[in-house]
């Protein structure tokens, strides 16, 4: 947890606003089944062609999903992209009751 000054810096995005750069977030997950075992299921077809999907794809292993947000000026915007992409991945996995863990 932040101290009072750290919380002010975080709440006002002072670091992001003082820096002249865009940011994106990349998160890699491992897909498991409802029993907690590594899944043997292929990349969800509902997400389209994994080679053409710029935001959700598999990484080195078929069970490893990667979420990549577009670049954003504010960290909060990047987090909103991440939440939306994570929901999309989880919804594509839901019919087979697969789960993705961070």
Protein backbone atom coordinates (compact mmCIF):
# COMPACT_ATOMS: atom_id res chain seq x y z
CA UNK A 1 0.00 0.00 0.00
CA UNK A 2 1.14 3.54 -0.68
CA UNK A 3 1.78 6.21 1.92
CA UNK A 4 -0.22 9.44 1.64
CA UNK A 5 2.12 11.06 -0.90
CA UNK A 6 2.38 7.84 -2.93
CA UNK A 7 -1.39 7.56 -3.05
CA UNK A 8 -1.69 11.16 -4.32
CA UNK A 9 0.88 10.40 -7.04
CA UNK A 10 -1.00 7.23 -8.01
CA UNK A 11 -4.49 8.79 -7.93
CA UNK A 12 -3.45 11.71 -10.11
CA UNK A 13 -1.31 9.62 -12.45
CA UNK A 14 1.51 12.11 -11.93
CA UNK A 15 4.20 9.76 -13.21
CA UNK A 16 2.25 8.98 -16.38
CA UNK A 17 1.32 12.62 -16.91
CA UNK A 18 4.89 13.82 -16.31
CA UNK A 19 6.29 11.32 -18.77
CA UNK A 20 5.80 11.72 -22.49
CA UNK A 21 5.15 8.10 -23.47
CA UNK A 22 2.36 5.68 -24.22
CA UNK A 23 2.06 2.38 -22.45
CA UNK A 24 0.60 -1.03 -23.09
CA UNK A 25 0.27 -4.12 -20.94
CA UNK A 26 1.15 -7.71 -21.80
CA UNK A 27 -0.06 -10.51 -19.54
CA UNK A 28 0.66 -14.19 -20.03
CA UNK A 29 -1.66 -16.77 -18.53
CA UNK A 30 -1.80 -20.53 -18.25
CA UNK A 31 -5.11 -22.16 -19.13
CA UNK A 32 -6.38 -24.82 -16.74
CA UNK A 33 -9.52 -26.92 -16.51
CA UNK A 34 -12.05 -26.86 -13.68
CA UNK A 35 -10.02 -29.47 -11.77
CA UNK A 36 -6.94 -27.24 -11.86
CA UNK A 37 -5.04 -29.34 -14.42
CA UNK A 38 -3.30 -27.88 -17.46
CA UNK A 39 -5.77 -27.99 -20.33
CA UNK A 40 -5.24 -29.96 -23.51
CA UNK A 41 -7.85 -27.87 -25.33
CA UNK A 42 -6.69 -25.91 -28.39
CA UNK A 43 -6.85 -22.14 -28.76
CA UNK A 44 -10.54 -21.12 -28.61
CA UNK A 45 -12.02 -20.81 -32.10
CA UNK A 46 -14.28 -17.99 -30.85
CA UNK A 47 -11.20 -15.74 -30.76
CA UNK A 48 -10.50 -16.16 -34.47
CA UNK A 49 -7.14 -16.90 -36.06
CA UNK A 50 -4.49 -16.69 -33.35
CA UNK A 51 -1.89 -15.48 -35.85
CA UNK A 52 -4.09 -12.54 -36.86
CA UNK A 53 -5.47 -11.61 -33.43
CA UNK A 54 -3.22 -8.79 -32.21
CA UNK A 55 -4.63 -8.77 -28.68
CA UNK A 56 -5.19 -12.39 -27.57
CA UNK A 57 -2.96 -15.20 -28.78
CA UNK A 58 -1.07 -18.23 -27.60
CA UNK A 59 2.54 -17.92 -26.60
CA UNK A 60 5.21 -20.61 -26.66
CA UNK A 61 2.85 -23.38 -25.56
CA UNK A 62 -0.73 -23.92 -26.73
CA UNK A 63 -1.96 -23.69 -23.11
CA UNK A 64 -0.31 -20.32 -22.58
CA UNK A 65 -2.54 -17.40 -23.54
CA UNK A 66 -1.11 -13.93 -24.03
CA UNK A 67 -3.15 -10.73 -23.71
CA UNK A 68 -1.65 -7.60 -25.27
CA UNK A 69 -3.36 -4.24 -24.86
CA UNK A 70 -3.09 -1.46 -27.41
CA UNK A 71 -0.94 1.45 -26.31
CA UNK A 72 -2.65 4.11 -24.24
CA UNK A 73 -1.72 7.56 -22.88
CA UNK A 74 -3.03 6.78 -19.39
CA UNK A 75 -2.46 3.71 -17.27
CA UNK A 76 -6.16 3.58 -16.40
CA UNK A 77 -7.04 3.30 -20.09
CA UNK A 78 -4.55 0.44 -20.48
CA UNK A 79 -6.14 -1.30 -17.48
CA UNK A 80 -9.60 -0.93 -19.04
CA UNK A 81 -8.30 -2.55 -22.25
CA UNK A 82 -6.78 -5.34 -20.16
CA UNK A 83 -10.05 -6.01 -18.31
CA UNK A 84 -12.03 -6.09 -21.57
CA UNK A 85 -9.55 -8.45 -23.25
CA UNK A 86 -9.45 -10.68 -20.18
CA UNK A 87 -13.27 -10.87 -20.21
CA UNK A 88 -13.16 -11.75 -23.91
CA UNK A 89 -10.68 -14.58 -23.28
CA UNK A 90 -12.66 -15.91 -20.31
CA UNK A 91 -15.93 -15.81 -22.28
CA UNK A 92 -14.30 -17.76 -25.13
CA UNK A 93 -13.14 -20.39 -22.62
CA UNK A 94 -16.40 -20.55 -20.65
CA UNK A 95 -18.32 -23.03 -22.86
CA UNK A 96 -15.76 -25.69 -21.95
CA UNK A 97 -15.35 -24.51 -18.37
CA UNK A 98 -11.68 -23.70 -18.86
CA UNK A 99 -10.07 -21.05 -16.76
CA UNK A 100 -7.14 -18.78 -17.30
CA UNK A 101 -4.91 -17.88 -14.40
CA UNK A 102 -2.53 -14.96 -14.20
